[in-house]
Amino acid sequence: MEVVGKDIQNFQLTVKEHSNYDFTDYSHTSLRRRLARILLEMEMDMDQLTLRMKHDPEFLETITRKITVHTTEMFRDPDVWNRLKKDLLPLYSTQSTIRIWHPGCSTGQEVYSMMMVLDELGLLDKSEIYASDLHQDVLETARQGIYRYRFNQIYLENFDRVMLNGDGSYSRDQKKHWKKYFHIDETRDTIQMKEYLRQKPVYKKQDLVRDPNFFLVNFDLIVCRNVIIYFNTDLQNRVFELFYQNLRQNGALLLGVHESILGVSSKRFIKKDPFYYKAQE
């Protein structure tokens, strides 16, 4: 079903007037694509959708969850994780504390990936892990650390590439390596992260569009992958400024492989692929 400019504007206005969310500065291209998918799924037109959103808060919450992206996986883009493991994280080994923030953490797979790499490097105990997302329900999934096994077997391929320096093949022989971090129950079709990992992160609900840094600390590393691609240029620059102000001097920002810092914000960071380092003030 076709979604035109006025449909997007009406949707944005409805969300802003009837909730605490603000999609005003989200990319129209992204909103158009996701709204078209929602209309097809729910067999509605835009007038029906916005009308129900105005009168049904639970329905509005459901739509905002569908609009925001929660696609993630463990060790997504293994080459990037290998760069983190070999090039960036060892730089922090002499510090007494390492602080890492995952804004837009979704259901937590990247948070657990980071902790596993830190543990492999002997840096987990001195690390503080913070994570935030727009929706409380995905944060609860992250806290529980339970994921479907058969659907997510690529996690094990990625684990092999990053943690074992392998070629992505895996077998039951690797169970001794997995069991340090998670338990696989094939009968229940679950991957369950170990309790010591589940208890370590500090999670908070946060809207990058309008909220400050609720953790009240500065960070050595901010990992925000595949989030800002859904924002327009103005909102991207506001978020980059938030990150800049909350990075320690020479701290690093990691974005998704298809994301970059352009325009005025590019002067605030020095790119050493794939990382963006905070420039001197």
C-alpha atoms as a PDB file:
ATOM      1  CA  MET A   1       0.000   0.000   0.000  1.00  0.00           C
ATOM      2  CA  GLU A   2       1.411   3.387  -1.001  1.00  0.00           C
ATOM      3  CA  VAL A   3       2.404   5.793   1.788  1.00  0.00           C
ATOM      4  CA  VAL A   4       2.814   9.423   0.710  1.00  0.00           C
ATOM      5  CA  GLY A   5       4.353  12.459   2.389  1.00  0.00           C
ATOM      6  CA  LYS A   6       1.183  13.683   4.116  1.00  0.00           C
ATOM      7  CA  ASP A   7       0.632  10.179   5.543  1.00  0.00           C
ATOM      8  CA  ILE A   8       4.057  10.272   7.168  1.00  0.00           C
ATOM      9  CA  GLN A   9       3.442  13.759   8.561  1.00  0.00           C
ATOM     10  CA  ASN A  10       0.059  12.714  10.001  1.00  0.00           C
ATOM     11  CA  PHE A  11       1.662   9.647  11.539  1.00  0.00           C
ATOM     12  CA  GLN A  12       4.457  11.698  13.105  1.00  0.00           C
ATOM     13  CA  LEU A  13       1.957  14.218  14.484  1.00  0.00           C
ATOM     14  CA  THR A  14      -0.257  11.469  15.923  1.00  0.00           C
ATOM     15  CA  VAL A  15       2.678   9.828  17.687  1.00  0.00           C
ATOM     16  CA  LYS A  16       3.911  13.135  19.108  1.00  0.00           C
ATOM     17  CA  GLU A  17       0.486  14.247  20.348  1.00  0.00           C
ATOM     18  CA  HIS A  18      -0.602  10.919  21.845  1.00  0.00           C
ATOM     19  CA  SER A  19       2.585   9.483  23.328  1.00  0.00           C
ATOM     20  CA  ASN A  20       5.990  10.368  24.751  1.00  0.00           C
ATOM     21  CA  TYR A  21       7.696   9.359  21.505  1.00  0.00           C
ATOM     22  CA  ASP A  22       8.827  11.715  18.777  1.00  0.00           C
ATOM     23  CA  PHE A  23       9.470  10.454  15.252  1.00  0.00           C
ATOM     24  CA  THR A  24       9.581  13.948  13.731  1.00  0.00           C
ATOM     25  CA  ASP A  25      13.214  13.639  12.680  1.00  0.00           C
ATOM     26  CA  TYR A  26      13.173  10.024  11.550  1.00  0.00           C
ATOM     27  CA  SER A  27      14.105   9.391   7.947  1.00  0.00           C
ATOM     28  CA  HIS A  28      11.023   9.606   5.702  1.00  0.00           C
ATOM     29  CA  THR A  29      12.428   6.823   3.538  1.00  0.00           C
ATOM     30  CA  SER A  30      12.625   4.493   6.524  1.00  0.00           C
ATOM     31  CA  LEU A  31       9.180   5.491   7.837  1.00  0.00           C
ATOM     32  CA  ARG A  32       7.567   5.059   4.419  1.00  0.00           C
ATOM     33  CA  ARG A  33       8.971   1.548   4.062  1.00  0.00           C
ATOM     34  CA  ARG A  34       7.986   0.437   7.562  1.00  0.00           C
ATOM     35  CA  LEU A  35       4.514   1.992   7.468  1.00  0.00           C
ATOM     36  CA  ALA A  36       3.781   0.294   4.145  1.00  0.00           C
ATOM     37  CA  ARG A  37       4.745  -3.031   5.717  1.00  0.00           C
ATOM     38  CA  ILE A  38       2.557  -2.388   8.774  1.00  0.00           C
ATOM     39  CA  LEU A  39      -0.465  -1.438   6.657  1.00  0.00           C
ATOM     40  CA  LEU A  40      -0.097  -4.613   4.618  1.00  0.00           C
ATOM     41  CA  GLU A  41       0.309  -6.753   7.738  1.00  0.00           C
ATOM     42  CA  MET A  42      -2.694  -5.223   9.520  1.00  0.00           C
ATOM     43  CA  GLU A  43      -4.871  -4.797   6.422  1.00  0.00           C
ATOM     44  CA  MET A  44      -5.487  -1.122   7.181  1.00  0.00           C
ATOM     45  CA  ASP A  45      -5.098   2.175   5.402  1.00  0.00           C
ATOM     46  CA  MET A  46      -3.343   5.163   6.981  1.00  0.00           C
ATOM     47  CA  ASP A  47      -6.572   6.831   8.126  1.00  0.00           C
ATOM     48  CA  GLN A  48      -7.625   3.680   9.976  1.00  0.00           C
ATOM     49  CA  LEU A  49      -4.167   3.272  11.483  1.00  0.00           C
ATOM     50  CA  THR A  50      -3.854   6.814  12.830  1.00  0.00           C
ATOM     51  CA  LEU A  51      -7.447   6.838  14.104  1.00  0.00           C
ATOM     52  CA  ARG A  52      -6.874   3.710  16.159  1.00  0.00           C
ATOM     53  CA  MET A  53      -3.544   5.048  17.415  1.00  0.00           C
ATOM     54  CA  LYS A  54      -5.336   8.132  18.758  1.00  0.00           C
ATOM     55  CA  HIS A  55      -7.808   6.069  20.790  1.00  0.00           C
ATOM     56  CA  ASP A  56      -5.845   2.940  21.730  1.00  0.00           C
ATOM     57  CA  PRO A  57      -2.589   3.572  23.665  1.00  0.00           C
ATOM     58  CA  GLU A  58      -1.607  -0.104  23.591  1.00  0.00           C
ATOM     59  CA  PHE A  59      -2.033  -0.195  19.834  1.00  0.00           C
ATOM     60  CA  LEU A  60       0.076   2.959  19.493  1.00  0.00           C
ATOM     61  CA  GLU A  61       2.807   1.325  21.590  1.00  0.00           C
ATOM     62  CA  THR A  62       2.690  -1.735  19.327  1.00  0.00           C
ATOM     63  CA  ILE A  63       3.088   0.419  16.222  1.00  0.00           C
ATOM     64  CA  THR A  64       6.065   2.302  17.660  1.00  0.00           C
ATOM     65  CA  ARG A  65       7.762  -1.024  18.385  1.00  0.00           C
ATOM     66  CA  LYS A  66       7.187  -2.074  14.789  1.00  0.00           C
ATOM     67  CA  ILE A  67       8.597   1.214  13.516  1.00  0.00           C
ATOM     68  CA  THR A  68      11.766   1.047  15.583  1.00  0.00           C
ATOM     69  CA  VAL A  69      14.245  -1.610  14.509  1.00  0.00           C
ATOM     70  CA  HIS A  70      15.173  -4.495  16.803  1.00  0.00           C
ATOM     71  CA  THR A  71      17.175  -6.654  14.418  1.00  0.00           C
ATOM     72  CA  THR A  72      20.429  -7.731  16.017  1.00  0.00           C
ATOM     73  CA  GLU A  73      22.601 -10.791  16.479  1.00  0.00           C
ATOM     74  CA  MET A  74      25.571 -12.007  18.457  1.00  0.00           C
ATOM     75  CA  PHE A  75      28.913 -10.888  16.970  1.00  0.00           C
ATOM     76  CA  ARG A  76      27.172  -9.335  13.987  1.00  0.00           C
ATOM     77  CA  ASP A  77      29.798  -8.527  11.314  1.00  0.00           C
ATOM     78  CA  PRO A  78      32.587 -10.703  12.775  1.00  0.00           C
ATOM     79  CA  ASP A  79      35.332  -8.683  11.053  1.00  0.00           C
ATOM     80  CA  VAL A  80      34.295  -5.629  13.074  1.00  0.00           C
ATOM     81  CA  TRP A  81      34.394  -7.651  16.301  1.00  0.00           C
ATOM     82  CA  ASN A  82      37.850  -8.913  15.448  1.00  0.00           C
ATOM     83  CA  ARG A  83      38.991  -5.311  15.039  1.00  0.00           C
ATOM     84  CA  LEU A  84      37.509  -4.496  18.441  1.00  0.00           C
ATOM     85  CA  LYS A  85      39.242  -7.503  19.948  1.00  0.00           C
ATOM     86  CA  LYS A  86      42.660  -6.930  18.390  1.00  0.00           C
ATOM     87  CA  ASP A  87      42.957  -3.180  17.830  1.00  0.00           C
ATOM     88  CA  LEU A  88      40.716  -1.171  20.149  1.00  0.00           C
ATOM     89  CA  LEU A  89      39.912  -2.885  23.437  1.00  0.00           C
ATOM     90  CA  PRO A  90      43.562  -3.739  24.253  1.00  0.00           C
ATOM     91  CA  LEU A  91      44.262   0.012  24.313  1.00  0.00           C
ATOM     92  CA  TYR A  92      42.222   0.197  27.524  1.00  0.00           C
ATOM     93  CA  SER A  93      44.093  -2.592  29.309  1.00  0.00           C
ATOM     94  CA  THR A  94      46.115  -0.220  31.517  1.00  0.00           C
ATOM     95  CA  GLN A  95      43.054   1.695  32.738  1.00  0.00           C
ATOM     96  CA  SER A  96      41.569   0.989  36.143  1.00  0.00           C
ATOM     97  CA  THR A  97      38.028   1.172  34.711  1.00  0.00           C
ATOM     98  CA  ILE A  98      36.635   0.732  31.207  1.00  0.00           C
ATOM     99  CA  ARG A  99      33.188   2.192  30.574  1.00  0.00           C
ATOM    100  CA  ILE A 100      31.181   1.084  27.533  1.00  0.00           C
ATOM    101  CA  TRP A 101      27.695   2.227  26.471  1.00  0.00           C
ATOM    102  CA  HIS A 102      25.374   0.456  24.029  1.00  0.00           C
ATOM    103  CA  PRO A 103      22.602   2.958  23.110  1.00  0.00           C
ATOM    104  CA  GLY A 104      19.846   1.309  21.074  1.00  0.00           C
ATOM    105  CA  CYS A 105      20.920  -2.046  22.504  1.00  0.00           C
ATOM    106  CA  SER A 106      17.701  -3.795  21.434  1.00  0.00           C
ATOM    107  CA  THR A 107      17.458  -7.339  22.837  1.00  0.00           C
ATOM    108  CA  GLY A 108      21.042  -7.343  24.078  1.00  0.00           C
ATOM    109  CA  GLN A 109      23.005  -9.674  21.807  1.00  0.00           C
ATOM    110  CA  GLU A 110      25.702  -7.066  21.148  1.00  0.00           C
ATOM    111  CA  VAL A 111      25.969  -6.326  24.866  1.00  0.00           C
ATOM    112  CA  TYR A 112      26.694  -9.996  25.559  1.00  0.00           C
ATOM    113  CA  SER A 113      29.096 -10.144  22.605  1.00  0.00           C
ATOM    114  CA  MET A 114      31.064  -7.260  24.085  1.00  0.00           C
ATOM    115  CA  MET A 115      31.270  -8.901  27.493  1.00  0.00           C
ATOM    116  CA  MET A 116      32.505 -12.167  26.007  1.00  0.00           C
ATOM    117  CA  VAL A 117      35.281 -10.388  24.106  1.00  0.00           C
ATOM    118  CA  LEU A 118      36.238  -8.395  27.208  1.00  0.00           C
ATOM    119  CA  ASP A 119      36.411 -11.623  29.186  1.00  0.00           C
ATOM    120  CA  GLU A 120      38.595 -13.228  26.530  1.00  0.00           C
ATOM    121  CA  LEU A 121      40.982 -10.267  26.895  1.00  0.00           C
ATOM    122  CA  GLY A 122      40.926 -10.404  30.702  1.00  0.00           C
ATOM    123  CA  LEU A 123      39.203  -7.006  30.864  1.00  0.00           C
ATOM    124  CA  LEU A 124      35.661  -7.888  31.942  1.00  0.00           C
ATOM    125  CA  ASP A 125      36.167  -7.457  35.691  1.00  0.00           C
ATOM    126  CA  LYS A 126      37.373  -3.875  35.293  1.00  0.00           C
ATOM    127  CA  SER A 127      34.656  -2.990  32.775  1.00  0.00           C
ATOM    128  CA  GLU A 128      31.369  -1.201  33.424  1.00  0.00           C
ATOM    129  CA  ILE A 129      28.701  -2.010  30.851  1.00  0.00           C
ATOM    130  CA  TYR A 130      25.739   0.302  30.216  1.00  0.00           C
ATOM    131  CA  ALA A 131      22.900  -0.241  27.750  1.00  0.00           C
ATOM    132  CA  SER A 132      19.738   1.634  26.790  1.00  0.00           C
ATOM    133  CA  ASP A 133      16.823   1.359  24.417  1.00  0.00           C
ATOM    134  CA  LEU A 134      13.566   3.079  23.586  1.00  0.00           C
ATOM    135  CA  HIS A 135      11.351   0.168  24.656  1.00  0.00           C
ATOM    136  CA  GLN A 136      11.157  -1.486  28.050  1.00  0.00           C
ATOM    137  CA  ASP A 137      10.137  -4.874  26.652  1.00  0.00           C
ATOM    138  CA  VAL A 138      13.295  -5.319  24.609  1.00  0.00           C
ATOM    139  CA  LEU A 139      15.362  -4.280  27.621  1.00  0.00           C
ATOM    140  CA  GLU A 140      13.646  -7.020  29.592  1.00  0.00           C
ATOM    141  CA  THR A 141      14.595  -9.530  26.891  1.00  0.00           C
ATOM    142  CA  ALA A 142      18.189  -8.304  27.160  1.00  0.00           C
ATOM    143  CA  ARG A 143      18.142  -8.742  30.942  1.00  0.00           C
ATOM    144  CA  GLN A 144      16.848 -12.302  30.608  1.00  0.00           C
ATOM    145  CA  GLY A 145      19.427 -13.196  27.953  1.00  0.00           C
ATOM    146  CA  ILE A 146      17.391 -16.022  26.432  1.00  0.00           C
ATOM    147  CA  TYR A 147      17.347 -16.447  22.651  1.00  0.00           C
ATOM    148  CA  ARG A 148      15.999 -19.025  20.236  1.00  0.00           C
ATOM    149  CA  TYR A 149      18.607 -21.635  19.369  1.00  0.00           C
ATOM    150  CA  ARG A 150      17.644 -23.004  15.952  1.00  0.00           C
ATOM    151  CA  PHE A 151      16.715 -19.607  14.553  1.00  0.00           C
ATOM    152  CA  ASN A 152      20.021 -18.145  15.730  1.00  0.00           C
ATOM    153  CA  GLN A 153      22.608 -20.783  14.908  1.00  0.00           C
ATOM    154  CA  ILE A 154      24.559 -18.079  13.077  1.00  0.00           C
ATOM    155  CA  TYR A 155      25.511 -16.954  16.600  1.00  0.00           C
ATOM    156  CA  LEU A 156      27.673 -20.057  16.877  1.00  0.00           C
ATOM    157  CA  GLU A 157      29.291 -19.411  13.490  1.00  0.00           C
ATOM    158  CA  ASN A 158      30.078 -15.850  14.539  1.00  0.00           C
ATOM    159  CA  PHE A 159      31.349 -17.062  17.924  1.00  0.00           C
ATOM    160  CA  ASP A 160      33.788 -19.343  16.124  1.00  0.00           C
ATOM    161  CA  ARG A 161      35.065 -16.517  13.910  1.00  0.00           C
ATOM    162  CA  VAL A 162      35.570 -14.029  16.746  1.00  0.00           C
ATOM    163  CA  MET A 163      36.273 -15.995  19.905  1.00  0.00           C
ATOM    164  CA  LEU A 164      38.101 -18.995  18.404  1.00  0.00           C
ATOM    165  CA  ASN A 165      39.655 -17.323  15.338  1.00  0.00           C
ATOM    166  CA  GLY A 166      37.959 -19.950  13.180  1.00  0.00           C
ATOM    167  CA  ASP A 167      36.359 -20.003   9.755  1.00  0.00           C
ATOM    168  CA  GLY A 168      32.747 -20.045  10.964  1.00  0.00           C
ATOM    169  CA  SER A 169      32.355 -23.790  11.225  1.00  0.00           C
ATOM    170  CA  TYR A 170      31.226 -25.157  14.560  1.00  0.00           C
ATOM    171  CA  SER A 171      30.504 -28.490  16.176  1.00  0.00           C
ATOM    172  CA  ARG A 172      29.506 -30.002  19.491  1.00  0.00           C
ATOM    173  CA  ASP A 173      33.218 -30.292  20.260  1.00  0.00           C
ATOM    174  CA  GLN A 174      33.182 -26.543  20.912  1.00  0.00           C
ATOM    175  CA  LYS A 175      30.712 -26.923  23.761  1.00  0.00           C
ATOM    176  CA  LYS A 176      33.536 -26.505  26.273  1.00  0.00           C
ATOM    177  CA  HIS A 177      34.073 -22.989  24.885  1.00  0.00           C
ATOM    178  CA  TRP A 178      30.380 -22.057  24.757  1.00  0.00           C
ATOM    179  CA  LYS A 179      29.508 -23.252  28.247  1.00  0.00           C
ATOM    180  CA  LYS A 180      31.652 -20.562  29.836  1.00  0.00           C
ATOM    181  CA  TYR A 181      29.230 -17.969  28.451  1.00  0.00           C
ATOM    182  CA  PHE A 182      25.919 -19.634  27.608  1.00  0.00           C
ATOM    183  CA  HIS A 183      23.945 -22.853  27.834  1.00  0.00           C
ATOM    184  CA  ILE A 184      22.246 -24.406  24.791  1.00  0.00           C
ATOM    185  CA  ASP A 185      19.094 -26.436  25.410  1.00  0.00           C
ATOM    186  CA  GLU A 186      18.103 -28.020  22.122  1.00  0.00           C
ATOM    187  CA  THR A 187      14.931 -29.513  23.615  1.00  0.00           C
ATOM    188  CA  ARG A 188      13.654 -26.099  24.671  1.00  0.00           C
ATOM    189  CA  ASP A 189      15.237 -24.428  21.629  1.00  0.00           C
ATOM    190  CA  THR A 190      17.070 -21.870  23.774  1.00  0.00           C
ATOM    191  CA  ILE A 191      20.430 -20.207  24.167  1.00  0.00           C
ATOM    192  CA  GLN A 192      20.646 -18.935  27.774  1.00  0.00           C
ATOM    193  CA  MET A 193      23.425 -16.503  28.714  1.00  0.00           C
ATOM    194  CA  LYS A 194      25.204 -17.263  31.978  1.00  0.00           C
ATOM    195  CA  GLU A 195      24.045 -15.412  35.089  1.00  0.00           C
ATOM    196  CA  TYR A 196      27.302 -13.544  35.710  1.00  0.00           C
ATOM    197  CA  LEU A 197      26.923 -11.927  32.284  1.00  0.00           C
ATOM    198  CA  ARG A 198      23.210 -11.202  32.724  1.00  0.00           C
ATOM    199  CA  GLN A 199      23.796  -9.378  36.001  1.00  0.00           C
ATOM    200  CA  LYS A 200      26.641  -7.126  34.895  1.00  0.00           C
ATOM    201  CA  PRO A 201      25.061  -4.496  32.575  1.00  0.00           C
ATOM    202  CA  VAL A 202      23.145  -1.473  33.826  1.00  0.00           C
ATOM    203  CA  TYR A 203      20.050  -1.034  31.629  1.00  0.00           C
ATOM    204  CA  LYS A 204      17.916   2.093  31.294  1.00  0.00           C
ATOM    205  CA  LYS A 205      15.018   3.095  29.065  1.00  0.00           C
ATOM    206  CA  GLN A 206      16.152   6.008  26.920  1.00  0.00           C
ATOM    207  CA  ASP A 207      14.966   7.887  23.849  1.00  0.00           C
ATOM    208  CA  LEU A 208      17.978   9.189  21.922  1.00  0.00           C
ATOM    209  CA  VAL A 209      15.702  11.757  20.292  1.00  0.00           C
ATOM    210  CA  ARG A 210      15.077  13.684  23.499  1.00  0.00           C
ATOM    211  CA  ASP A 211      16.806  12.166  26.537  1.00  0.00           C
ATOM    212  CA  PRO A 212      20.238  12.979  27.997  1.00  0.00           C
ATOM    213  CA  ASN A 213      22.800  10.455  29.210  1.00  0.00           C
ATOM    214  CA  PHE A 214      21.013   8.984  32.236  1.00  0.00           C
ATOM    215  CA  PHE A 215      24.087   7.052  33.394  1.00  0.00           C
ATOM    216  CA  LEU A 216      25.947  10.227  34.454  1.00  0.00           C
ATOM    217  CA  VAL A 217      29.385   8.911  33.466  1.00  0.00           C
ATOM    218  CA  ASN A 218      31.601   9.408  30.438  1.00  0.00           C
ATOM    219  CA  PHE A 219      32.541   6.471  28.262  1.00  0.00           C
ATOM    220  CA  ASP A 220      35.646   5.011  26.655  1.00  0.00           C
ATOM    221  CA  LEU A 221      33.560   3.366  23.945  1.00  0.00           C
ATOM    222  CA  ILE A 222      30.049   3.910  22.608  1.00  0.00           C
ATOM    223  CA  VAL A 223      28.631   1.163  20.386  1.00  0.00           C
ATOM    224  CA  CYS A 224      25.596   2.368  18.436  1.00  0.00           C
ATOM    225  CA  ARG A 225      25.219   0.182  15.378  1.00  0.00           C
ATOM    226  CA  ASN A 226      22.384   0.349  12.841  1.00  0.00           C
ATOM    227  CA  VAL A 227      20.406   2.998  14.712  1.00  0.00           C
ATOM    228  CA  ILE A 228      21.258   6.419  13.292  1.00  0.00           C
ATOM    229  CA  ILE A 229      20.682   5.178   9.737  1.00  0.00           C
ATOM    230  CA  TYR A 230      16.957   5.609  10.488  1.00  0.00           C
ATOM    231  CA  PHE A 231      17.336   9.288  11.495  1.00  0.00           C
ATOM    232  CA  ASN A 232      17.427  12.349   9.276  1.00  0.00           C
ATOM    233  CA  THR A 233      20.565  14.499   9.141  1.00  0.00           C
ATOM    234  CA  ASP A 234      19.495  16.955  11.858  1.00  0.00           C
ATOM    235  CA  LEU A 235      18.707  14.206  14.331  1.00  0.00           C
ATOM    236  CA  GLN A 236      21.901  12.346  13.481  1.00  0.00           C
ATOM    237  CA  ASN A 237      23.908  15.462  14.304  1.00  0.00           C
ATOM    238  CA  ARG A 238      22.082  15.904  17.629  1.00  0.00           C
ATOM    239  CA  VAL A 239      22.813  12.300  18.557  1.00  0.00           C
ATOM    240  CA  PHE A 240      26.468  12.607  17.519  1.00  0.00           C
ATOM    241  CA  GLU A 241      26.740  15.676  19.743  1.00  0.00           C
ATOM    242  CA  LEU A 242      25.282  13.671  22.642  1.00  0.00           C
ATOM    243  CA  PHE A 243      27.875  10.967  22.034  1.00  0.00           C
ATOM    244  CA  TYR A 244      30.695  13.492  21.708  1.00  0.00           C
ATOM    245  CA  GLN A 245      29.845  15.184  24.991  1.00  0.00           C
ATOM    246  CA  ASN A 246      29.708  11.852  26.806  1.00  0.00           C
ATOM    247  CA  LEU A 247      32.915  10.293  25.486  1.00  0.00           C
ATOM    248  CA  ARG A 248      36.126  10.523  27.433  1.00  0.00           C
ATOM    249  CA  GLN A 249      38.979  12.305  25.675  1.00  0.00           C
ATOM    250  CA  ASN A 250      40.206   9.997  22.881  1.00  0.00           C
ATOM    251  CA  GLY A 251      37.153   7.791  23.436  1.00  0.00           C
ATOM    252  CA  ALA A 252      35.795   5.856  20.469  1.00  0.00           C
ATOM    253  CA  LEU A 253      32.440   5.510  18.733  1.00  0.00           C
ATOM    254  CA  LEU A 254      31.498   2.456  16.692  1.00  0.00           C
ATOM    255  CA  LEU A 255      28.658   2.696  14.150  1.00  0.00           C
ATOM    256  CA  GLY A 256      27.129   0.141  11.797  1.00  0.00           C
ATOM    257  CA  VAL A 257      29.010  -0.875   8.669  1.00  0.00           C
ATOM    258  CA  HIS A 258      26.629   1.177   6.499  1.00  0.00           C
ATOM    259  CA  GLU A 259      26.651   4.254   8.751  1.00  0.00           C
ATOM    260  CA  SER A 260      29.027   7.199   8.803  1.00  0.00           C
ATOM    261  CA  ILE A 261      29.441  10.667  10.277  1.00  0.00           C
ATOM    262  CA  LEU A 262      29.008  13.395   7.693  1.00  0.00           C
ATOM    263  CA  GLY A 263      28.532  17.154   7.698  1.00  0.00           C
ATOM    264  CA  VAL A 264      29.189  19.351  10.725  1.00  0.00           C
ATOM    265  CA  SER A 265      29.607  16.420  13.121  1.00  0.00           C
ATOM    266  CA  SER A 266      32.480  14.966  11.104  1.00  0.00           C
ATOM    267  CA  LYS A 267      34.763  17.647  12.570  1.00  0.00           C
ATOM    268  CA  ARG A 268      34.083  16.304  16.060  1.00  0.00           C
ATOM    269  CA  PHE A 269      35.556  12.884  15.328  1.00  0.00           C
ATOM    270  CA  ILE A 270      38.650  11.399  13.718  1.00  0.00           C
ATOM    271  CA  LYS A 271      37.910   8.302  11.673  1.00  0.00           C
ATOM    272  CA  LYS A 272      40.254   5.336  11.836  1.00  0.00           C
ATOM    273  CA  ASP A 273      38.127   2.703  10.183  1.00  0.00           C
ATOM    274  CA  PRO A 274      35.883   1.334  11.585  1.00  0.00           C
ATOM    275  CA  PHE A 275      36.168   3.561  14.678  1.00  0.00           C
ATOM    276  CA  TYR A 276      35.482   7.264  15.217  1.00  0.00           C
ATOM    277  CA  TYR A 277      37.695   8.814  17.895  1.00  0.00           C
ATOM    278  CA  LYS A 278      36.703  11.923  19.800  1.00  0.00           C
ATOM    279  CA  ALA A 279      38.678  14.864  18.463  1.00  0.00           C
ATOM    280  CA  GLN A 280      40.483  17.250  20.794  1.00  0.00           C
ATOM    281  CA  GLU A 281      38.222  20.043  22.012  1.00  0.00           C
END
